[in-house]
Amino acid sequence: MNDKKPLMDYRRVQKLQTPLLLTGALLSGVGTSVSVPLVILGIAIMLFAIVIGVLYYRCPHCGRPLGRIGEGGAYCPHCGKANGFTKEEDTLDGWFDSGSTHFASMKKDQGFWPATMYLEGLDQYRGWFQSALLTAVGAFGQGAPFKECVTHGWTVDGEGRAMHKSLGNGMDPAEIINQYGADLLRLWAASADYHADVRCSHEIFKQLSQNYLKFRNTARYCLGNLDGFDADQLTAPAEMEELDRWAVTRLNALMEKCAKAYNDYEFLVVTHAVNDFCVVDMSNFYLDIIKDRLYCEEKDGAKRRSAQTALFLILDTMTKLMAPILCFTCDEIWLSMPHRSGDDGRNVVFNDMNKPFTDYALDETAMEKWSAVEKLRDDVNAVLEAARAEKKIGKALEAHVALHAGDDAASAALVQVMGLNLAELFIVSDCQVSSAEPDAASTVGQGANFPGLTVEVSEARGDKCERCWMHSPTVGADADHPTLCARCAAVVRKLPQF
């Protein structure tokens, strides 16, 4: 409390000023029709009332005019003092106070110091980061109160303009969540390069929704084929099909890339890497090829369980990798998928991210072979499309493919893939390497990845199996199942009989 009294209570000033002002105004008004001296006298009285306010209606502390009057008395807008109250003066400086919060929030109350990371906008290098550094060095002499700083830009509209109400270009997060879902808003934040200004628009969210669907559909494919799978009985590395080991090897590379990106706070690297993995490695190649094994092989057969083991490792890893970003989606996946006995099934975030499955990994030579398979497959698919356009085949399973090497590069590629089931990899009914001249009735094309490779596509031999849809000379060989190929007939024979 302050013992000083104002020079004059504002109510006394008002009681004196008000009559004088009214009298002066009345005399001035009457004088305009009676005499000039009355006008002059009225003006003089009003000026006198104003002078009283200027002289006496001032702050008793700083001497400047009081700018606001309330029921409790005058309050000075300059020094904050009046009617016995004093301004709080414990704040030394706004930046100093915020910069010293590391002591109160960490060292004093939480018992740890320094912080792992300070996160703020780009302008805080000369603000909070700087004041925190100065106060820490000055007070403790132990260096910075943070191990590292992470800064971000500002959110702007799709054209890079700042969001303003006057422009009508603002986007309400609640509106985005209602239209696209909370996970897509999180995916947008994680997919942007936050070091610069981050653009936000409906067009961007529509594009990101496609990336989200790729991840969700990949997870859905895995979930659908893991029904009844025992995650504690994984196929051993030595017994796993080489294509499945290729998929796990690609998964290992994804894990390593994402782990480094998370440690570097490069979240966009994580989202882009997972999206590329889902689109390029999974959807366009691996998942397309293993459909036949998953749908047509014996349910508990070694080939199908090999693919299921790879799918489980892929789903388990991807769910954990994306859980910090797509938290709701990954939680839904986690609650629906099988788990190993050591997993915490309550929520995905209660489990550590996987480490690379090195026991399943292929060596560099094997991975080079599968790189050649991918290139050959692209060349074959191009000619299959041409044959489909010429109406010589409908689906790819109606095709027989012959590969002809015309140079050393093509020959080396065919030698690399020797021993693999090329018909399965190219999803055709039959594929062989040939040295004969292509048939004139066939559709023939040259490879883009291997220009010396000639791809010949003709109609597949044999009848169509009604179960796997492949064309095979073995269809009808089994009298009990005349419409099935030998493989499907053997599988069906083992099914329960009703």
Protein backbone atom coordinates (compact mmCIF):
# COMPACT_ATOMS: atom_id res chain seq x y z
CA MET A 1 0.00 0.00 0.00
CA ASN A 2 1.06 3.57 -0.66
CA ASP A 3 0.53 6.15 2.14
CA LYS A 4 0.62 9.14 -0.21
CA LYS A 5 -2.73 10.88 -0.86
CA PRO A 6 -3.79 12.49 -4.11
CA LEU A 7 -3.56 16.31 -4.14
CA MET A 8 -7.32 16.45 -4.59
CA ASP A 9 -9.90 13.67 -4.64
CA TYR A 10 -11.35 13.30 -8.13
CA ARG A 11 -14.91 13.59 -6.77
CA ARG A 12 -14.13 17.08 -5.34
CA VAL A 13 -12.64 18.05 -8.69
CA GLN A 14 -15.77 16.86 -10.47
CA LYS A 15 -18.04 18.79 -8.02
CA LEU A 16 -16.15 22.00 -8.75
CA GLN A 17 -15.63 21.54 -12.48
CA THR A 18 -19.16 20.52 -13.40
CA PRO A 19 -20.97 23.69 -12.14
CA LEU A 20 -18.29 25.93 -13.64
CA LEU A 21 -18.53 24.25 -17.03
CA LEU A 22 -22.33 24.45 -17.01
CA THR A 23 -22.27 28.11 -15.94
CA GLY A 24 -19.74 29.01 -18.59
CA ALA A 25 -21.72 27.23 -21.28
CA LEU A 26 -24.96 28.95 -20.20
CA LEU A 27 -23.40 32.43 -20.19
CA SER A 28 -21.84 31.82 -23.62
CA GLY A 29 -25.15 30.70 -25.04
CA VAL A 30 -27.14 33.61 -23.58
CA GLY A 31 -24.43 36.11 -24.47
CA THR A 32 -24.66 35.37 -28.18
CA SER A 33 -28.10 37.05 -28.18
CA VAL A 34 -27.55 39.64 -25.42
CA SER A 35 -23.97 40.93 -25.36
CA VAL A 36 -20.44 39.93 -26.33
CA PRO A 37 -19.03 40.42 -22.79
CA LEU A 38 -21.29 37.64 -21.50
CA VAL A 39 -19.86 35.31 -24.16
CA ILE A 40 -16.32 36.21 -23.15
CA LEU A 41 -17.17 35.68 -19.48
CA GLY A 42 -18.67 32.25 -20.20
CA ILE A 43 -15.60 31.15 -22.13
CA ALA A 44 -13.35 32.38 -19.34
CA ILE A 45 -15.28 30.36 -16.74
CA MET A 46 -15.01 27.16 -18.85
CA LEU A 47 -11.27 27.69 -19.32
CA PHE A 48 -10.93 28.16 -15.58
CA ALA A 49 -12.68 24.81 -15.00
CA ILE A 50 -10.31 23.11 -17.43
CA VAL A 51 -7.29 24.70 -15.72
CA ILE A 52 -8.47 23.29 -12.38
CA GLY A 53 -8.53 19.81 -13.89
CA VAL A 54 -5.10 20.20 -15.41
CA LEU A 55 -3.58 21.60 -12.23
CA TYR A 56 -5.21 19.39 -9.65
CA TYR A 57 -6.56 16.31 -11.43
CA ARG A 58 -3.14 14.68 -11.79
CA CYS A 59 -1.44 11.57 -10.51
CA PRO A 60 0.15 12.32 -7.14
CA HIS A 61 3.02 9.97 -7.97
CA CYS A 62 4.18 10.77 -11.48
CA GLY A 63 2.49 14.17 -11.89
CA ARG A 64 0.90 13.35 -15.24
CA PRO A 65 -2.84 13.71 -15.93
CA LEU A 66 -4.94 10.79 -14.82
CA GLY A 67 -6.52 9.18 -17.82
CA ARG A 68 -9.17 6.88 -16.34
CA ILE A 69 -11.72 7.28 -13.54
CA GLY A 70 -13.50 4.45 -11.80
CA GLU A 71 -15.67 3.92 -8.78
CA GLY A 72 -12.67 3.29 -6.57
CA GLY A 73 -10.86 6.46 -7.57
CA ALA A 74 -8.45 7.61 -10.24
CA TYR A 75 -6.02 5.15 -11.82
CA CYS A 76 -2.91 6.46 -13.57
CA PRO A 77 -2.26 4.82 -16.93
CA HIS A 78 1.37 5.96 -16.82
CA CYS A 79 2.72 4.61 -13.57
CA GLY A 80 -0.18 2.45 -12.46
CA LYS A 81 -0.51 4.14 -9.09
CA ALA A 82 -3.46 5.88 -7.46
CA ASN A 83 -5.74 5.66 -4.46
CA GLY A 84 -3.22 3.70 -2.40
CA PHE A 85 -2.35 0.93 -4.90
CA THR A 86 1.13 0.41 -6.36
CA LYS A 87 2.18 -1.29 -9.60
CA GLU A 88 3.71 -4.76 -9.37
CA GLU A 89 7.46 -4.34 -9.86
CA ASP A 90 8.76 -7.90 -9.44
CA THR A 91 9.10 -8.34 -13.22
CA LEU A 92 12.60 -7.29 -14.18
CA ASP A 93 12.22 -7.87 -17.92
CA GLY A 94 9.91 -10.00 -20.05
CA TRP A 95 12.74 -11.78 -21.89
CA PHE A 96 14.77 -12.24 -18.73
CA ASP A 97 11.81 -13.82 -16.94
CA SER A 98 10.96 -16.18 -19.81
CA GLY A 99 14.63 -16.98 -20.34
CA SER A 100 15.07 -18.05 -16.72
CA THR A 101 12.15 -20.48 -16.70
CA HIS A 102 14.60 -23.34 -17.21
CA PHE A 103 15.49 -23.05 -13.54
CA ALA A 104 11.92 -23.13 -12.21
CA SER A 105 10.55 -25.69 -14.67
CA MET A 106 13.51 -28.09 -14.76
CA LYS A 107 16.29 -27.68 -12.20
CA LYS A 108 14.12 -26.64 -9.26
CA ASP A 109 10.84 -28.57 -9.71
CA GLN A 110 11.64 -31.49 -12.01
CA GLY A 111 15.17 -32.29 -10.95
CA PHE A 112 16.74 -32.43 -14.41
CA TRP A 113 18.80 -30.01 -16.47
CA PRO A 114 19.31 -29.19 -19.31
CA ALA A 115 16.30 -29.75 -21.58
CA THR A 116 16.65 -32.17 -24.48
CA MET A 117 15.23 -29.64 -26.92
CA TYR A 118 13.76 -26.13 -27.12
CA LEU A 119 11.06 -25.68 -29.78
CA GLU A 120 9.94 -22.27 -31.02
CA GLY A 121 9.56 -20.04 -34.08
CA LEU A 122 12.34 -18.77 -36.30
CA ASP A 123 12.47 -15.41 -34.53
CA GLN A 124 13.49 -16.86 -31.15
CA TYR A 125 17.22 -17.05 -31.87
CA ARG A 126 17.37 -13.44 -30.72
CA GLY A 127 14.58 -13.95 -28.18
CA TRP A 128 13.87 -16.89 -25.92
CA PHE A 129 16.84 -19.03 -27.03
CA GLN A 130 19.21 -16.11 -26.47
CA SER A 131 17.81 -15.05 -23.10
CA ALA A 132 17.75 -18.66 -21.87
CA LEU A 133 21.38 -19.08 -22.90
CA LEU A 134 22.49 -15.84 -21.20
CA THR A 135 20.68 -16.52 -17.92
CA ALA A 136 21.93 -20.12 -17.76
CA VAL A 137 25.55 -19.23 -18.43
CA GLY A 138 25.42 -16.26 -16.06
CA ALA A 139 23.66 -18.08 -13.21
CA PHE A 140 25.16 -21.55 -13.35
CA GLY A 141 28.13 -21.42 -15.70
CA GLN A 142 27.12 -24.82 -17.06
CA GLY A 143 26.39 -23.92 -20.65
CA ALA A 144 23.06 -23.77 -22.46
CA PRO A 145 19.87 -25.00 -20.75
CA PHE A 146 19.07 -27.05 -23.89
CA LYS A 147 20.90 -29.68 -25.87
CA GLU A 148 19.47 -28.51 -29.17
CA CYS A 149 17.01 -26.03 -30.66
CA VAL A 150 14.35 -26.78 -33.26
CA THR A 151 12.67 -23.89 -35.05
CA HIS A 152 9.70 -23.73 -37.39
CA GLY A 153 8.22 -21.26 -39.84
CA TRP A 154 4.73 -19.84 -40.00
CA THR A 155 1.55 -21.29 -41.46
CA VAL A 156 0.53 -19.60 -44.73
CA ASP A 157 -2.15 -20.27 -47.33
CA GLY A 158 -1.69 -22.30 -50.49
CA GLU A 159 -0.23 -19.30 -52.33
CA GLY A 160 2.27 -18.47 -49.60
CA ARG A 161 0.33 -15.51 -48.17
CA ALA A 162 -0.10 -14.88 -44.46
CA MET A 163 -3.53 -15.83 -43.19
CA HIS A 164 -5.77 -12.87 -42.32
CA LYS A 165 -9.46 -12.50 -41.60
CA SER A 166 -9.64 -9.63 -44.07
CA LEU A 167 -8.37 -11.92 -46.85
CA GLY A 168 -10.63 -14.77 -45.84
CA ASN A 169 -7.82 -17.26 -46.39
CA GLY A 170 -7.64 -18.70 -42.90
CA MET A 171 -8.28 -22.39 -42.19
CA ASP A 172 -9.83 -23.52 -38.93
CA PRO A 173 -8.26 -26.76 -37.59
CA ALA A 174 -11.70 -27.86 -36.37
CA GLU A 175 -13.02 -27.55 -39.93
CA ILE A 176 -10.11 -29.61 -41.26
CA ILE A 177 -10.67 -32.31 -38.64
CA ASN A 178 -14.39 -32.49 -39.41
CA GLN A 179 -13.73 -32.83 -43.14
CA TYR A 180 -10.57 -34.95 -43.27
CA GLY A 181 -10.03 -36.34 -39.76
CA ALA A 182 -7.52 -35.52 -37.04
CA ASP A 183 -4.90 -37.94 -38.41
CA LEU A 184 -4.78 -36.13 -41.74
CA LEU A 185 -4.11 -32.85 -39.94
CA ARG A 186 -1.23 -34.53 -38.14
CA LEU A 187 -0.01 -36.02 -41.43
CA TRP A 188 -0.03 -32.53 -42.97
CA ALA A 189 2.10 -31.17 -40.12
CA ALA A 190 4.55 -34.09 -40.38
CA SER A 191 4.76 -34.02 -44.19
CA ALA A 192 5.72 -30.35 -44.45
CA ASP A 193 9.19 -28.87 -44.32
CA TYR A 194 8.63 -26.89 -41.14
CA HIS A 195 12.01 -25.14 -41.40
CA ALA A 196 10.32 -22.77 -43.86
CA ASP A 197 6.78 -21.41 -43.95
CA VAL A 198 4.21 -24.21 -44.16
CA ARG A 199 1.45 -23.96 -46.75
CA CYS A 200 -2.08 -24.99 -45.87
CA SER A 201 -4.99 -25.39 -48.30
CA HIS A 202 -7.76 -27.79 -49.22
CA GLU A 203 -5.81 -28.85 -52.32
CA ILE A 204 -2.88 -29.91 -50.15
CA PHE A 205 -5.17 -31.89 -47.85
CA LYS A 206 -6.81 -33.63 -50.81
CA GLN A 207 -3.39 -34.69 -52.08
CA LEU A 208 -2.32 -35.88 -48.63
CA SER A 209 -5.52 -37.87 -48.30
CA GLN A 210 -4.25 -40.08 -51.16
CA ASN A 211 -1.02 -40.73 -49.25
CA TYR A 212 -3.06 -41.58 -46.17
CA LEU A 213 -5.20 -44.02 -48.14
CA LYS A 214 -2.07 -45.74 -49.51
CA PHE A 215 -0.87 -46.40 -45.97
CA ARG A 216 -4.32 -47.46 -44.77
CA ASN A 217 -4.92 -49.76 -47.74
CA THR A 218 -1.51 -51.39 -47.31
CA ALA A 219 -2.34 -52.05 -43.66
CA ARG A 220 -5.78 -53.36 -44.65
CA TYR A 221 -4.21 -55.78 -47.15
CA CYS A 222 -1.87 -57.10 -44.45
CA LEU A 223 -4.64 -57.39 -41.87
CA GLY A 224 -6.89 -59.27 -44.27
CA ASN A 225 -4.22 -61.90 -44.90
CA LEU A 226 -3.14 -62.32 -41.28
CA ASP A 227 -6.44 -63.74 -40.07
CA GLY A 228 -5.65 -66.69 -37.80
CA PHE A 229 -1.90 -66.10 -38.04
CA ASP A 230 0.15 -67.03 -34.97
CA ALA A 231 2.75 -64.29 -34.54
CA ASP A 232 4.78 -66.49 -32.17
CA GLN A 233 5.33 -69.04 -34.96
CA LEU A 234 7.21 -67.02 -37.58
CA THR A 235 8.85 -68.73 -40.52
CA ALA A 236 12.58 -69.12 -39.90
CA PRO A 237 14.90 -67.09 -42.14
CA ALA A 238 16.38 -70.21 -43.75
CA GLU A 239 12.89 -71.45 -44.68
CA MET A 240 11.50 -68.16 -45.97
CA GLU A 241 10.95 -67.60 -49.68
CA GLU A 242 13.56 -65.32 -51.23
CA LEU A 243 10.96 -62.81 -52.43
CA ASP A 244 9.68 -62.49 -48.85
CA ARG A 245 13.21 -61.95 -47.59
CA TRP A 246 13.60 -59.25 -50.23
CA ALA A 247 10.54 -57.49 -48.79
CA VAL A 248 11.94 -57.71 -45.25
CA THR A 249 15.30 -56.40 -46.46
CA ARG A 250 13.54 -53.38 -47.98
CA LEU A 251 11.71 -53.01 -44.67
CA ASN A 252 15.05 -52.96 -42.85
CA ALA A 253 16.21 -50.08 -45.04
CA LEU A 254 12.99 -48.22 -44.24
CA MET A 255 13.52 -48.69 -40.51
CA GLU A 256 17.05 -47.35 -40.66
CA LYS A 257 16.00 -44.32 -42.68
CA CYS A 258 13.06 -43.49 -40.42
CA ALA A 259 15.05 -43.95 -37.21
CA LYS A 260 17.63 -41.44 -38.38
CA ALA A 261 14.91 -39.05 -39.55
CA TYR A 262 13.11 -39.16 -36.20
CA ASN A 263 16.37 -38.51 -34.36
CA ASP A 264 16.98 -35.50 -36.63
CA TYR A 265 13.35 -34.28 -36.28
CA GLU A 266 12.96 -34.66 -40.06
CA PHE A 267 9.39 -35.91 -39.91
CA LEU A 268 8.73 -35.31 -43.61
CA VAL A 269 11.45 -37.86 -44.42
CA VAL A 270 9.50 -40.43 -42.39
CA THR A 271 6.17 -39.78 -44.09
CA HIS A 272 7.68 -39.69 -47.58
CA ALA A 273 9.75 -42.85 -47.00
CA VAL A 274 6.75 -44.80 -45.68
CA ASN A 275 4.60 -43.60 -48.60
CA ASP A 276 7.25 -44.63 -51.14
CA PHE A 277 7.58 -48.01 -49.45
CA CYS A 278 3.81 -48.58 -49.60
CA VAL A 279 3.52 -47.49 -53.23
CA VAL A 280 6.74 -48.64 -54.91
CA ASP A 281 7.93 -51.67 -52.94
CA MET A 282 4.60 -53.00 -51.69
CA SER A 283 1.66 -52.08 -53.94
CA ASN A 284 3.46 -51.98 -57.28
CA PHE A 285 5.60 -55.06 -56.71
CA TYR A 286 5.52 -57.31 -53.66
CA LEU A 287 1.85 -57.32 -52.67
CA ASP A 288 0.80 -57.76 -56.28
CA ILE A 289 3.01 -60.83 -56.71
CA ILE A 290 2.15 -62.69 -53.50
CA LYS A 291 -1.63 -62.56 -54.03
CA ASP A 292 -1.50 -65.94 -55.79
CA ARG A 293 0.39 -67.55 -52.91
CA LEU A 294 -1.88 -66.04 -50.26
CA TYR A 295 -5.15 -66.92 -52.01
CA CYS A 296 -4.35 -70.19 -53.76
CA GLU A 297 -1.71 -72.06 -51.77
CA GLU A 298 -2.55 -74.35 -48.88
CA LYS A 299 -3.73 -72.34 -45.85
CA ASP A 300 -1.01 -73.58 -43.51
CA GLY A 301 1.48 -74.42 -46.23
CA ALA A 302 5.08 -73.28 -46.00
CA LYS A 303 4.85 -70.87 -48.97
CA ARG A 304 1.78 -69.07 -47.61
CA ARG A 305 3.15 -68.87 -44.07
CA SER A 306 6.37 -67.45 -45.45
CA ALA A 307 4.41 -64.60 -47.05
CA GLN A 308 2.34 -64.15 -43.89
CA THR A 309 5.49 -63.84 -41.78
CA ALA A 310 6.77 -61.10 -44.04
CA LEU A 311 3.38 -59.34 -43.94
CA PHE A 312 3.30 -59.49 -40.14
CA LEU A 313 6.79 -58.00 -39.84
CA ILE A 314 5.86 -55.29 -42.34
CA LEU A 315 2.57 -54.38 -40.63
CA ASP A 316 4.03 -54.50 -37.13
CA THR A 317 6.92 -52.26 -38.15
CA MET A 318 4.93 -49.75 -40.21
CA THR A 319 2.34 -49.37 -37.45
CA LYS A 320 5.02 -48.55 -34.90
CA LEU A 321 6.84 -46.22 -37.29
CA MET A 322 3.76 -44.14 -38.04
CA ALA A 323 2.19 -44.23 -34.56
CA PRO A 324 3.68 -40.83 -33.55
CA ILE A 325 2.01 -39.28 -36.62
CA LEU A 326 -1.12 -41.30 -37.45
CA CYS A 327 -1.87 -42.09 -33.82
CA PHE A 328 -5.57 -42.94 -34.19
CA THR A 329 -5.17 -45.02 -37.35
CA CYS A 330 -2.21 -46.95 -35.97
CA ASP A 331 -4.05 -47.62 -32.74
CA GLU A 332 -6.96 -49.08 -34.75
CA ILE A 333 -4.53 -51.27 -36.68
CA TRP A 334 -2.77 -52.39 -33.51
CA LEU A 335 -6.03 -53.45 -31.86
CA SER A 336 -6.95 -55.52 -34.94
CA MET A 337 -3.69 -57.31 -35.71
CA PRO A 338 -2.08 -60.40 -34.16
CA HIS A 339 0.73 -59.88 -31.64
CA ARG A 340 3.68 -61.73 -30.23
CA SER A 341 3.57 -62.80 -26.61
CA GLY A 342 5.94 -60.01 -25.55
CA ASP A 343 3.87 -57.20 -27.10
CA ASP A 344 1.64 -54.85 -25.13
CA GLY A 345 -1.68 -55.18 -26.91
CA ARG A 346 -3.32 -52.19 -25.19
CA ASN A 347 -1.86 -49.56 -27.51
CA VAL A 348 0.89 -49.36 -30.08
CA VAL A 349 2.68 -46.52 -28.28
CA PHE A 350 3.41 -48.81 -25.32
CA ASN A 351 5.80 -50.78 -27.55
CA ASP A 352 9.28 -49.93 -28.79
CA MET A 353 9.91 -49.47 -32.49
CA ASN A 354 11.40 -52.49 -34.21
CA LYS A 355 15.06 -52.87 -35.03
CA PRO A 356 16.13 -54.22 -38.45
CA PHE A 357 15.51 -57.95 -38.88
CA THR A 358 19.08 -58.75 -39.86
CA ASP A 359 18.53 -62.53 -39.80
CA TYR A 360 16.10 -62.22 -42.70
CA ALA A 361 18.18 -59.75 -44.73
CA LEU A 362 19.55 -60.65 -48.15
CA ASP A 363 23.12 -59.78 -49.11
CA GLU A 364 24.02 -57.18 -51.72
CA THR A 365 24.42 -59.75 -54.50
CA ALA A 366 20.91 -61.08 -53.92
CA MET A 367 19.47 -57.58 -53.78
CA GLU A 368 21.14 -56.76 -57.11
CA LYS A 369 19.42 -59.81 -58.56
CA TRP A 370 16.03 -58.57 -57.36
CA SER A 371 16.78 -55.14 -58.75
CA ALA A 372 17.21 -56.84 -62.13
CA VAL A 373 13.87 -58.62 -61.60
CA GLU A 374 12.12 -55.30 -61.07
CA LYS A 375 13.60 -53.86 -64.25
CA LEU A 376 12.72 -56.96 -66.27
CA ARG A 377 9.20 -56.89 -64.88
CA ASP A 378 8.74 -53.29 -66.02
CA ASP A 379 9.91 -54.24 -69.53
CA VAL A 380 7.56 -57.24 -69.64
CA ASN A 381 4.59 -55.20 -68.37
CA ALA A 382 5.07 -52.67 -71.16
CA VAL A 383 4.76 -55.39 -73.81
CA LEU A 384 1.82 -57.00 -71.98
CA GLU A 385 0.02 -53.66 -72.22
CA ALA A 386 0.74 -53.56 -75.94
CA ALA A 387 -0.65 -57.10 -76.38
CA ARG A 388 -3.75 -56.10 -74.39
CA ALA A 389 -4.21 -53.06 -76.64
CA GLU A 390 -4.00 -55.36 -79.68
CA LYS A 391 -6.73 -57.56 -78.16
CA LYS A 392 -4.43 -60.59 -78.21
CA ILE A 393 -4.85 -61.09 -74.47
CA GLY A 394 -7.23 -59.84 -71.81
CA LYS A 395 -5.66 -60.29 -68.40
CA ALA A 396 -1.96 -60.91 -67.88
CA LEU A 397 -2.70 -64.48 -66.74
CA GLU A 398 -3.81 -65.24 -70.30
CA ALA A 399 -0.28 -64.58 -71.56
CA HIS A 400 2.75 -66.70 -72.32
CA VAL A 401 6.00 -64.69 -72.23
CA ALA A 402 9.28 -65.51 -73.93
CA LEU A 403 12.44 -63.51 -73.25
CA HIS A 404 15.18 -63.15 -75.87
CA ALA A 405 18.58 -61.64 -75.00
CA GLY A 406 20.17 -59.61 -77.78
CA ASP A 407 23.18 -58.14 -75.98
CA ASP A 408 25.47 -58.75 -73.01
CA ALA A 409 23.46 -56.62 -70.59
CA ALA A 410 20.24 -58.50 -71.31
CA SER A 411 22.04 -61.84 -71.14
CA ALA A 412 23.61 -60.94 -67.78
CA ALA A 413 20.21 -59.95 -66.40
CA LEU A 414 18.64 -63.24 -67.49
CA VAL A 415 21.51 -65.17 -65.97
CA GLN A 416 20.99 -63.27 -62.69
CA VAL A 417 17.34 -64.29 -62.43
CA MET A 418 17.92 -67.87 -63.46
CA GLY A 419 16.21 -70.27 -61.07
CA LEU A 420 13.41 -67.86 -60.11
CA ASN A 421 9.78 -68.52 -60.98
CA LEU A 422 9.47 -65.73 -63.55
CA ALA A 423 5.83 -66.56 -64.34
CA GLU A 424 4.94 -65.89 -60.69
CA LEU A 425 7.00 -62.68 -60.62
CA PHE A 426 5.51 -61.34 -63.86
CA ILE A 427 2.00 -62.65 -62.95
CA VAL A 428 1.61 -64.55 -66.21
CA SER A 429 0.72 -68.19 -66.83
CA ASP A 430 4.10 -69.13 -68.26
CA CYS A 431 7.48 -67.49 -68.87
CA GLN A 432 10.63 -68.88 -70.40
CA VAL A 433 13.96 -67.72 -71.74
CA SER A 434 14.26 -68.52 -75.45
CA SER A 435 16.92 -68.34 -78.11
CA ALA A 436 14.47 -68.93 -80.96
CA GLU A 437 13.17 -66.19 -83.19
CA PRO A 438 9.90 -64.61 -82.00
CA ASP A 439 6.71 -65.84 -83.67
CA ALA A 440 5.28 -63.41 -86.20
CA ALA A 441 1.83 -63.77 -84.66
CA SER A 442 3.06 -62.70 -81.22
CA THR A 443 3.28 -59.20 -79.83
CA VAL A 444 6.95 -58.27 -79.64
CA GLY A 445 8.66 -55.31 -77.95
CA GLN A 446 12.07 -54.16 -76.83
CA GLY A 447 12.92 -53.45 -73.21
CA ALA A 448 13.37 -49.91 -71.92
CA ASN A 449 15.61 -50.91 -69.01
CA PHE A 450 17.40 -53.50 -71.14
CA PRO A 451 17.32 -52.31 -74.79
CA GLY A 452 18.85 -55.60 -75.92
CA LEU A 453 15.96 -57.58 -74.42
CA THR A 454 13.18 -58.74 -76.75
CA VAL A 455 9.90 -59.58 -75.01
CA GLU A 456 7.49 -61.86 -76.87
CA VAL A 457 3.88 -62.17 -75.67
CA SER A 458 1.52 -64.81 -77.02
CA GLU A 459 -1.62 -66.57 -75.83
CA ALA A 460 -1.01 -68.93 -72.92
CA ARG A 461 -1.12 -72.66 -73.53
CA GLY A 462 -3.61 -74.92 -71.78
CA ASP A 463 -6.99 -74.31 -70.22
CA LYS A 464 -7.88 -71.80 -67.53
CA CYS A 465 -7.99 -73.07 -63.94
CA GLU A 466 -11.22 -71.82 -62.39
CA ARG A 467 -9.56 -71.43 -58.99
CA CYS A 468 -6.29 -69.59 -59.66
CA TRP A 469 -7.21 -68.40 -63.21
CA MET A 470 -3.85 -69.48 -64.59
CA HIS A 471 -3.74 -71.29 -67.93
CA SER A 472 -2.03 -74.65 -67.58
CA PRO A 473 -1.75 -77.93 -69.56
CA THR A 474 -2.42 -79.72 -66.24
CA VAL A 475 -6.03 -78.50 -66.04
CA GLY A 476 -8.26 -81.58 -66.24
CA ALA A 477 -5.49 -84.03 -65.34
CA ASP A 478 -7.19 -84.75 -62.00
CA ALA A 479 -10.41 -86.68 -62.60
CA ASP A 480 -11.88 -85.56 -59.27
CA HIS A 481 -11.26 -81.91 -60.11
CA PRO A 482 -11.37 -81.59 -63.89
CA THR A 483 -11.54 -77.78 -63.89
CA LEU A 484 -8.46 -77.25 -61.69
CA CYS A 485 -4.75 -77.22 -62.39
CA ALA A 486 -2.52 -79.75 -60.63
CA ARG A 487 -1.51 -77.30 -57.89
CA CYS A 488 -5.07 -76.25 -57.05
CA ALA A 489 -6.34 -79.81 -57.20
CA ALA A 490 -3.75 -80.86 -54.61
CA VAL A 491 -4.74 -77.97 -52.32
CA VAL A 492 -8.47 -78.58 -52.65
CA ARG A 493 -8.01 -82.29 -51.93
CA LYS A 494 -6.69 -81.37 -48.47
CA LEU A 495 -9.63 -79.11 -47.61
CA PRO A 496 -12.22 -80.39 -45.13
CA GLN A 497 -15.03 -82.25 -46.82
CA PHE A 498 -18.56 -81.25 -45.87
